[in-house]
Each structure stands twice: as structure tokens, then as C-alpha cells.
Amino acid sequence: MSHEQIIDTAHGPARVVAHLASQPRADVVLSHGAGRGIDGADLVQMAQTLSEHSYNAYLVEQPWVARGRKVADRPAVLDACLATVLGVLALPGPLVLAGRSAGSRSSFRLARDHHAVAAFAMAFPLHPLGRPENTRVSELLEAGVPTLVIQGERDQMGRPAEFPAGTNMVVVPGADHGYRVAKSAAMSEQEVYSFVADTAVAWLDRELS
């Protein structure tokens, strides 16, 4: 079962699409990246898989998408909008914050203050493309809750080997930052999306057991 609602923020309307489980164990709020909204195949697959495994999934589309902009708002605005959405939703929890790329950064930054029990990243952008010196490792290390990073083997915004030792990570074989894989790869892109979603569910099951 799914439903959609619009939530007003100080920076415009945010769209929330909820995929609801019949007997939910937790509420998972998912934010999208800077390149596309919540209709990306990987996020849709994630939400559907979560709801099939007893997790409510809330896909949050940032106001910049609704405004028709091609460039995402700055991080502080993304955080403020997500915080507003969380306040309006007032979910009973346990709360899990998650997202793809820029959305995962925002989720990790807000996790502690919003009393999340866990947070996971779909392709965490450890640094801007081609600028590894501008690391965002502090956002990863200071989330304050158990975290999981599901990272493509060929992600040019943070290859697995660039992450600090001890990062709780699952590597997606052959995948880039958008979870795209070569035609000759062992998994198709749809199989990659299923792998990513199944990985998140298995981790949540362990964390929340």
C-alpha cells in the first residue's frame, strides 16, 4: 500500500511517497541524490522491498525538484527541509534515516538529533567527483548511530578502498556511483537494485533484532 502527500517547507513543497507495510517494524525515511528525484529505479526498488519486509518506507523528494531546478539546494537547505518533513510526519519509529548520494549525507547529518536508531547510505559521496582532497569523512564518522554504506566497486565519488578502516560497508560488484554496471557484468542493473535493497533489509533485520 502506498500514498503520497505534500509537505510545505520554508523552501517550497516537499513530496513524500509512503510505501506502507502491514505490520511495520520500523519507519525508514529515504532521501534522493542531487541528480534525480525519488522516481529513480534504485530508490523505488528499495522502498518496495522494505515494505515487503515489514518496514514502512517514506521517499522524500526535496523542494528543489518540485521547483524544476537542475541543481540541488545547498546542504543546509536540504537538512532543513528534511527536518521539517520529519517533524510533520511525526513517525512513531523506530526511525531509520537513509538515502542515495547527497540524500545519505543529509540523513547521516540528522540521524543523531532526530533520534534515529540507524542510518544507511546508497552510494555515499565521500568526496566531489575528481576532488578526493575534499573529503566528507566526518559526516560518515559522526552520524552517532549504527551505519551501513552500500558502495559501488567503481564509484568515482568514493571507491571502497578510500573509506576509513572499520567502515561498515557492502561493495556492489562492478557498479559505479549510480549503480550502473557494464553489460558484461555478473549482475544486471535490475539485479543490482535488488541486491542493494536486500542488503539493506538484511542489515536492518540484524540491527533491530
Protein backbone atom coordinates (compact mmCIF):
# COMPACT_ATOMS: atom_id res chain seq x y z
CA MET A 1 0.00 0.00 0.00
CA SER A 2 1.34 3.45 -0.90
CA HIS A 3 0.16 7.02 -0.64
CA GLU A 4 1.52 10.48 -1.44
CA GLN A 5 1.43 13.75 0.44
CA ILE A 6 2.85 17.24 0.03
CA ILE A 7 4.56 18.91 2.98
CA ASP A 8 5.25 22.64 2.97
CA THR A 9 8.74 23.72 3.99
CA ALA A 10 10.42 27.11 4.19
CA HIS A 11 11.95 26.39 0.78
CA GLY A 12 8.91 25.07 -1.03
CA PRO A 13 6.81 21.89 -1.07
CA ALA A 14 8.39 18.51 -0.44
CA ARG A 15 6.75 15.39 -1.86
CA VAL A 16 6.56 12.26 0.26
CA VAL A 17 5.57 8.89 -1.16
CA ALA A 18 4.96 6.26 1.50
CA HIS A 19 5.15 2.52 0.91
CA LEU A 20 3.48 1.06 3.99
CA ALA A 21 3.90 -2.39 5.47
CA SER A 22 1.01 -4.26 7.06
CA GLN A 23 2.87 -4.85 10.35
CA PRO A 24 5.81 -2.41 10.34
CA ARG A 25 8.89 -2.98 12.48
CA ALA A 26 10.31 0.49 11.84
CA ASP A 27 9.96 3.64 9.72
CA VAL A 28 12.63 4.20 7.08
CA VAL A 29 12.87 7.71 5.59
CA LEU A 30 14.76 7.81 2.29
CA SER A 31 16.14 10.91 0.56
CA HIS A 32 17.27 11.13 -3.06
CA GLY A 33 20.52 12.41 -4.53
CA ALA A 34 21.47 15.58 -6.38
CA GLY A 35 20.94 14.15 -9.83
CA ARG A 36 17.35 12.93 -9.70
CA GLY A 37 14.28 12.67 -7.52
CA ILE A 38 12.56 9.78 -5.79
CA ASP A 39 11.46 8.09 -9.00
CA GLY A 40 14.89 6.55 -9.59
CA ALA A 41 14.66 2.79 -10.07
CA ASP A 42 17.02 2.02 -7.19
CA LEU A 43 15.03 4.07 -4.66
CA VAL A 44 11.71 2.67 -5.87
CA GLN A 45 13.09 -0.85 -5.57
CA MET A 46 14.39 -0.08 -2.08
CA ALA A 47 11.03 1.28 -0.91
CA GLN A 48 9.09 -1.66 -2.32
CA THR A 49 11.47 -4.22 -0.83
CA LEU A 50 11.40 -2.53 2.59
CA SER A 51 7.60 -2.52 2.68
CA GLU A 52 7.52 -6.19 1.66
CA HIS A 53 9.75 -6.98 4.63
CA SER A 54 7.76 -5.17 7.34
CA TYR A 55 9.34 -1.72 7.12
CA ASN A 56 7.42 1.46 6.30
CA ALA A 57 9.36 3.36 3.63
CA TYR A 58 8.94 7.09 3.08
CA LEU A 59 10.53 8.52 -0.07
CA VAL A 60 11.19 12.24 0.42
CA GLU A 61 11.58 14.46 -2.64
CA GLN A 62 13.28 17.76 -1.89
CA PRO A 63 11.59 21.06 -2.90
CA TRP A 64 14.28 21.91 -5.47
CA VAL A 65 12.93 19.10 -7.64
CA ALA A 66 9.38 20.45 -7.48
CA ARG A 67 10.71 23.91 -8.37
CA GLY A 68 12.16 22.47 -11.57
CA ARG A 69 15.77 23.24 -10.71
CA LYS A 70 18.57 21.16 -12.21
CA VAL A 71 20.95 21.79 -9.32
CA ALA A 72 20.26 20.72 -5.75
CA ASP A 73 19.99 23.21 -2.91
CA ARG A 74 22.99 23.63 -0.60
CA PRO A 75 23.39 21.06 2.21
CA ALA A 76 21.98 23.31 4.94
CA VAL A 77 18.75 23.75 2.97
CA LEU A 78 18.47 20.01 2.30
CA ASP A 79 18.88 19.35 6.00
CA ALA A 80 16.30 21.98 6.96
CA CYS A 81 13.72 20.60 4.53
CA LEU A 82 14.27 17.03 5.66
CA ALA A 83 13.98 18.12 9.30
CA THR A 84 10.66 19.82 8.52
CA VAL A 85 9.37 16.68 6.83
CA LEU A 86 10.38 14.56 9.80
CA GLY A 87 8.62 16.95 12.14
CA VAL A 88 5.38 16.88 10.17
CA LEU A 89 5.41 13.11 9.68
CA ALA A 90 5.97 12.59 13.43
CA LEU A 91 6.62 8.90 12.86
CA PRO A 92 6.28 6.58 15.86
CA GLY A 93 9.51 4.77 14.97
CA PRO A 94 11.90 3.22 15.49
CA LEU A 95 13.26 5.67 12.92
CA VAL A 96 15.88 4.83 10.30
CA LEU A 97 17.29 7.59 8.08
CA ALA A 98 18.73 6.68 4.71
CA GLY A 99 19.28 7.96 1.21
CA ARG A 100 21.14 7.90 -2.04
CA SER A 101 24.28 10.03 -2.50
CA ALA A 102 23.56 13.59 -1.27
CA GLY A 103 20.46 12.25 0.46
CA SER A 104 22.59 9.89 2.51
CA ARG A 105 24.79 12.79 3.63
CA SER A 106 21.75 14.66 4.90
CA SER A 107 20.45 11.55 6.63
CA PHE A 108 23.76 10.93 8.39
CA ARG A 109 23.97 14.57 9.50
CA LEU A 110 20.47 14.50 11.02
CA ALA A 111 20.46 10.98 12.46
CA ARG A 112 21.60 11.79 15.97
CA ASP A 113 19.43 14.88 16.51
CA HIS A 114 16.30 13.11 15.28
CA HIS A 115 16.88 10.06 17.46
CA ALA A 116 17.29 7.61 14.59
CA VAL A 117 18.29 4.10 15.59
CA ALA A 118 20.29 3.51 12.40
CA ALA A 119 21.21 5.07 9.05
CA PHE A 120 22.33 3.66 5.73
CA ALA A 121 23.78 5.11 2.56
CA MET A 122 23.19 4.12 -1.04
CA ALA A 123 26.42 5.33 -2.71
CA PHE A 124 27.86 7.68 -0.11
CA PRO A 125 29.68 10.56 -1.91
CA LEU A 126 32.89 10.55 0.12
CA HIS A 127 34.20 13.45 -1.96
CA PRO A 128 33.18 15.52 -5.01
CA LEU A 129 33.99 13.98 -8.38
CA GLY A 130 37.70 14.34 -9.10
CA ARG A 131 38.43 16.08 -5.76
CA PRO A 132 39.38 13.41 -3.22
CA GLU A 133 41.09 16.02 -1.06
CA ASN A 134 37.66 17.49 -0.19
CA THR A 135 36.66 14.56 2.00
CA ARG A 136 33.30 14.24 3.75
CA VAL A 137 34.52 11.51 6.05
CA SER A 138 33.45 13.44 9.15
CA GLU A 139 29.79 13.11 8.12
CA LEU A 140 30.28 9.37 7.91
CA LEU A 141 32.10 9.02 11.20
CA GLU A 142 29.95 11.41 13.25
CA ALA A 143 26.50 10.07 12.46
CA GLY A 144 26.20 8.87 16.04
CA VAL A 145 24.17 5.76 15.13
CA PRO A 146 24.95 2.38 13.54
CA THR A 147 25.57 2.92 9.82
CA LEU A 148 25.87 0.91 6.64
CA VAL A 149 27.35 2.07 3.33
CA ILE A 150 26.34 0.19 0.15
CA GLN A 151 29.02 1.34 -2.28
CA GLY A 152 29.71 0.59 -5.92
CA GLU A 153 33.06 -1.00 -6.65
CA ARG A 154 33.74 1.65 -9.32
CA ASP A 155 32.23 4.65 -7.52
CA GLN A 156 34.34 7.66 -8.55
CA MET A 157 32.98 9.73 -5.67
CA GLY A 158 34.42 7.25 -3.21
CA ARG A 159 35.87 3.91 -4.12
CA PRO A 160 35.58 1.36 -1.31
CA ALA A 161 39.34 1.46 -0.63
CA GLU A 162 39.14 5.22 0.06
CA PHE A 163 36.87 4.81 3.07
CA PRO A 164 38.37 4.69 6.55
CA ALA A 165 39.17 1.34 8.10
CA GLY A 166 36.26 -0.08 10.01
CA THR A 167 33.55 1.40 7.78
CA ASN A 168 30.59 -0.96 7.77
CA MET A 169 30.32 -1.44 4.01
CA VAL A 170 28.94 -3.80 1.43
CA VAL A 171 30.51 -3.45 -2.02
CA VAL A 172 28.35 -3.75 -5.14
CA PRO A 173 30.49 -5.59 -7.71
CA GLY A 174 31.15 -3.65 -10.90
CA ALA A 175 28.82 -0.76 -10.02
CA ASP A 176 29.54 2.97 -10.33
CA HIS A 177 28.08 5.84 -8.29
CA GLY A 178 24.68 5.44 -9.95
CA TYR A 179 24.80 1.66 -9.51
CA ARG A 180 25.27 1.30 -13.24
CA VAL A 181 27.16 -1.76 -14.43
CA ALA A 182 28.67 -2.84 -17.73
CA LYS A 183 26.63 -5.12 -19.98
CA SER A 184 29.23 -7.81 -19.36
CA ALA A 185 28.87 -7.56 -15.56
CA ALA A 186 27.81 -10.53 -13.48
CA MET A 187 24.61 -8.74 -12.39
CA SER A 188 22.19 -6.72 -14.49
CA GLU A 189 21.20 -3.26 -13.25
CA GLN A 190 17.87 -4.61 -12.00
CA GLU A 191 19.70 -7.36 -10.16
CA VAL A 192 21.97 -4.69 -8.65
CA TYR A 193 18.96 -2.76 -7.36
CA SER A 194 17.57 -5.93 -5.80
CA PHE A 195 20.96 -6.73 -4.27
CA VAL A 196 21.20 -3.26 -2.73
CA ALA A 197 17.67 -3.43 -1.30
CA ASP A 198 18.12 -6.97 0.03
CA THR A 199 21.41 -5.92 1.64
CA ALA A 200 19.73 -3.04 3.47
CA VAL A 201 16.87 -5.24 4.69
CA ALA A 202 19.21 -7.94 5.96
CA TRP A 203 21.26 -5.35 7.86
CA LEU A 204 18.17 -3.74 9.39
CA ASP A 205 16.88 -7.13 10.46
CA ARG A 206 20.13 -7.72 12.35
CA GLU A 207 20.32 -4.21 13.83
CA LEU A 208 16.74 -4.18 15.05
CA SER A 209 16.53 -7.76 16.27
